[in-house]
Amino acid sequence: MLCLNQLKPGEEAVVTSISGENRRLRDLGLIEGTKVKCVLKSPLGDPAAYKIRGAVIAIRREDAADIKVVVYE
């Protein structure tokens, strides 16, 4: 199990849990069982762009650290 911010561009994963009360991420559709793909990371690694339910969304490293994922094999 990894944190979302540990995905490399091109990797896909499924959200297993979200810690904290980040309602904004849940409102964007990032809930348990959601498929996520890391699309792009900025040169310094923050923020990173993730494809979530057909939309590409930039998420800061500190917010992505609260999201646990399992990488597709």
N, C-alpha and C. Protein backbone atom coordinates (compact mmCIF):
# COMPACT_ATOMS: atom_id res chain seq x y z
N MET A 1 0.85 -1.18 0.00
CA MET A 1 0.00 0.00 0.00
C MET A 1 0.90 1.24 0.00
N LEU A 2 0.53 2.20 -0.83
CA LEU A 2 1.29 3.44 -0.97
C LEU A 2 0.39 4.64 -0.71
N CYS A 3 1.02 5.79 -0.57
CA CYS A 3 0.28 7.05 -0.56
C CYS A 3 0.16 7.51 -2.01
N LEU A 4 -0.89 8.25 -2.32
CA LEU A 4 -1.12 8.72 -3.68
C LEU A 4 0.07 9.51 -4.20
N ASN A 5 0.72 10.28 -3.34
CA ASN A 5 1.85 11.10 -3.79
C ASN A 5 3.09 10.28 -4.17
N GLN A 6 3.06 8.97 -3.94
CA GLN A 6 4.19 8.11 -4.30
C GLN A 6 4.04 7.50 -5.69
N LEU A 7 2.90 7.68 -6.34
CA LEU A 7 2.72 7.16 -7.69
C LEU A 7 3.60 7.91 -8.66
N LYS A 8 4.11 7.18 -9.64
CA LYS A 8 4.91 7.78 -10.70
C LYS A 8 4.00 8.03 -11.90
N PRO A 9 4.34 8.99 -12.75
CA PRO A 9 3.52 9.22 -13.94
C PRO A 9 3.32 7.94 -14.74
N GLY A 10 2.06 7.69 -15.11
CA GLY A 10 1.71 6.50 -15.86
C GLY A 10 1.19 5.36 -15.00
N GLU A 11 1.44 5.39 -13.69
CA GLU A 11 0.96 4.33 -12.81
C GLU A 11 -0.51 4.52 -12.47
N GLU A 12 -1.21 3.40 -12.35
CA GLU A 12 -2.62 3.41 -11.97
C GLU A 12 -2.79 2.70 -10.64
N ALA A 13 -3.77 3.16 -9.87
CA ALA A 13 -4.02 2.57 -8.56
C ALA A 13 -5.49 2.70 -8.21
N VAL A 14 -5.87 2.05 -7.12
CA VAL A 14 -7.23 2.15 -6.59
C VAL A 14 -7.13 2.69 -5.18
N VAL A 15 -7.99 3.65 -4.84
CA VAL A 15 -8.00 4.25 -3.52
C VAL A 15 -8.55 3.24 -2.51
N THR A 16 -7.82 3.03 -1.42
CA THR A 16 -8.28 2.12 -0.38
C THR A 16 -8.79 2.87 0.84
N SER A 17 -8.21 4.04 1.13
CA SER A 17 -8.69 4.83 2.27
C SER A 17 -8.21 6.27 2.16
N ILE A 18 -8.95 7.14 2.82
CA ILE A 18 -8.58 8.56 2.89
C ILE A 18 -8.63 8.95 4.36
N SER A 19 -7.51 9.41 4.89
CA SER A 19 -7.49 9.84 6.28
C SER A 19 -7.81 11.32 6.36
N GLY A 20 -8.26 11.74 7.50
CA GLY A 20 -8.61 13.15 7.67
C GLY A 20 -9.98 13.46 7.11
N GLU A 21 -10.32 14.72 7.13
CA GLU A 21 -11.64 15.17 6.69
C GLU A 21 -11.52 16.10 5.49
N ASN A 22 -10.82 15.66 4.47
CA ASN A 22 -10.64 16.49 3.29
C ASN A 22 -11.88 16.37 2.40
N ARG A 23 -12.87 17.16 2.68
CA ARG A 23 -14.15 17.10 1.96
C ARG A 23 -13.99 17.47 0.49
N ARG A 24 -13.07 18.37 0.18
CA ARG A 24 -12.87 18.79 -1.21
C ARG A 24 -12.52 17.60 -2.10
N LEU A 25 -11.64 16.73 -1.64
CA LEU A 25 -11.26 15.57 -2.43
C LEU A 25 -12.43 14.62 -2.61
N ARG A 26 -13.20 14.43 -1.58
CA ARG A 26 -14.39 13.56 -1.67
C ARG A 26 -15.41 14.16 -2.64
N ASP A 27 -15.58 15.47 -2.61
CA ASP A 27 -16.51 16.13 -3.53
C ASP A 27 -16.08 15.99 -4.98
N LEU A 28 -14.78 15.84 -5.21
CA LEU A 28 -14.25 15.66 -6.56
C LEU A 28 -14.38 14.21 -7.04
N GLY A 29 -14.88 13.33 -6.18
CA GLY A 29 -15.09 11.94 -6.55
C GLY A 29 -13.99 11.00 -6.10
N LEU A 30 -13.08 11.49 -5.28
CA LEU A 30 -11.98 10.66 -4.80
C LEU A 30 -12.43 9.96 -3.52
N ILE A 31 -13.00 8.77 -3.70
CA ILE A 31 -13.49 7.99 -2.57
C ILE A 31 -12.91 6.57 -2.67
N GLU A 32 -13.12 5.78 -1.63
CA GLU A 32 -12.63 4.41 -1.61
C GLU A 32 -13.15 3.65 -2.83
N GLY A 33 -12.26 2.91 -3.50
CA GLY A 33 -12.63 2.14 -4.68
C GLY A 33 -12.46 2.88 -6.00
N THR A 34 -12.12 4.16 -5.95
CA THR A 34 -11.95 4.95 -7.17
C THR A 34 -10.61 4.64 -7.83
N LYS A 35 -10.64 4.48 -9.15
CA LYS A 35 -9.43 4.26 -9.93
C LYS A 35 -8.76 5.61 -10.19
N VAL A 36 -7.44 5.67 -9.99
CA VAL A 36 -6.68 6.91 -10.14
C VAL A 36 -5.44 6.62 -10.99
N LYS A 37 -5.10 7.56 -11.86
CA LYS A 37 -3.88 7.44 -12.66
C LYS A 37 -3.07 8.71 -12.50
N CYS A 38 -1.78 8.56 -12.19
CA CYS A 38 -0.89 9.72 -12.14
C CYS A 38 -0.54 10.09 -13.57
N VAL A 39 -0.90 11.30 -13.96
CA VAL A 39 -0.70 11.75 -15.33
C VAL A 39 0.60 12.53 -15.46
N LEU A 40 0.89 13.40 -14.50
CA LEU A 40 2.03 14.30 -14.62
C LEU A 40 2.43 14.81 -13.25
N LYS A 41 3.73 14.98 -13.05
CA LYS A 41 4.22 15.63 -11.83
C LYS A 41 4.98 16.88 -12.26
N SER A 42 4.81 17.95 -11.50
CA SER A 42 5.55 19.17 -11.81
C SER A 42 7.04 18.92 -11.58
N PRO A 43 7.91 19.76 -12.10
CA PRO A 43 9.35 19.54 -11.97
C PRO A 43 9.83 19.35 -10.53
N LEU A 44 9.20 20.02 -9.60
CA LEU A 44 9.58 19.87 -8.20
C LEU A 44 8.71 18.84 -7.48
N GLY A 45 7.79 18.22 -8.19
CA GLY A 45 6.96 17.17 -7.62
C GLY A 45 5.70 17.63 -6.92
N ASP A 46 5.45 18.93 -6.89
CA ASP A 46 4.28 19.43 -6.19
C ASP A 46 3.70 20.62 -6.95
N PRO A 47 2.49 20.57 -7.42
CA PRO A 47 1.51 19.49 -7.31
C PRO A 47 1.72 18.45 -8.40
N ALA A 48 0.88 17.41 -8.36
CA ALA A 48 0.86 16.38 -9.39
C ALA A 48 -0.55 16.32 -9.96
N ALA A 49 -0.65 15.88 -11.21
CA ALA A 49 -1.95 15.78 -11.87
C ALA A 49 -2.36 14.31 -11.90
N TYR A 50 -3.62 14.07 -11.54
CA TYR A 50 -4.16 12.71 -11.50
C TYR A 50 -5.46 12.67 -12.30
N LYS A 51 -5.65 11.57 -13.04
CA LYS A 51 -6.90 11.37 -13.75
C LYS A 51 -7.84 10.61 -12.82
N ILE A 52 -8.96 11.25 -12.50
CA ILE A 52 -9.94 10.70 -11.57
C ILE A 52 -11.31 10.80 -12.21
N ARG A 53 -11.94 9.67 -12.48
CA ARG A 53 -13.28 9.63 -13.06
C ARG A 53 -13.39 10.47 -14.34
N GLY A 54 -12.36 10.41 -15.18
CA GLY A 54 -12.39 11.10 -16.47
C GLY A 54 -11.91 12.53 -16.46
N ALA A 55 -11.62 13.09 -15.30
CA ALA A 55 -11.13 14.47 -15.20
C ALA A 55 -9.70 14.46 -14.67
N VAL A 56 -8.89 15.40 -15.12
CA VAL A 56 -7.53 15.54 -14.62
C VAL A 56 -7.52 16.63 -13.55
N ILE A 57 -7.05 16.26 -12.36
CA ILE A 57 -7.10 17.15 -11.20
C ILE A 57 -5.72 17.26 -10.58
N ALA A 58 -5.28 18.49 -10.27
CA ALA A 58 -4.01 18.71 -9.60
C ALA A 58 -4.23 18.61 -8.09
N ILE A 59 -3.39 17.83 -7.43
CA ILE A 59 -3.49 17.65 -5.98
C ILE A 59 -2.12 17.90 -5.37
N ARG A 60 -2.10 18.70 -4.30
CA ARG A 60 -0.85 18.99 -3.60
C ARG A 60 -0.32 17.74 -2.90
N ARG A 61 0.98 17.70 -2.74
CA ARG A 61 1.65 16.56 -2.11
C ARG A 61 1.10 16.28 -0.72
N GLU A 62 0.89 17.31 0.08
CA GLU A 62 0.41 17.10 1.45
C GLU A 62 -1.00 16.51 1.48
N ASP A 63 -1.84 16.88 0.53
CA ASP A 63 -3.18 16.30 0.45
C ASP A 63 -3.11 14.86 -0.06
N ALA A 64 -2.26 14.61 -1.04
CA ALA A 64 -2.12 13.27 -1.61
C ALA A 64 -1.53 12.29 -0.60
N ALA A 65 -0.80 12.78 0.39
CA ALA A 65 -0.22 11.91 1.41
C ALA A 65 -1.30 11.30 2.31
N ASP A 66 -2.48 11.89 2.36
CA ASP A 66 -3.59 11.37 3.18
C ASP A 66 -4.37 10.26 2.47
N ILE A 67 -4.02 9.97 1.22
CA ILE A 67 -4.79 9.01 0.42
C ILE A 67 -3.96 7.75 0.22
N LYS A 68 -4.46 6.62 0.70
CA LYS A 68 -3.78 5.33 0.55
C LYS A 68 -4.33 4.63 -0.69
N VAL A 69 -3.41 4.07 -1.48
CA VAL A 69 -3.79 3.40 -2.72
C VAL A 69 -3.08 2.05 -2.86
N VAL A 70 -3.62 1.20 -3.71
CA VAL A 70 -2.99 -0.05 -4.10
C VAL A 70 -2.76 0.03 -5.59
N VAL A 71 -1.51 -0.19 -6.03
CA VAL A 71 -1.15 -0.07 -7.44
C VAL A 71 -1.63 -1.29 -8.21
N TYR A 72 -2.11 -1.06 -9.44
CA TYR A 72 -2.48 -2.16 -10.34
C TYR A 72 -1.22 -2.93 -10.70
N GLU A 73 -1.33 -4.21 -10.79
CA GLU A 73 -0.20 -5.05 -11.20
C GLU A 73 -0.22 -5.25 -12.68
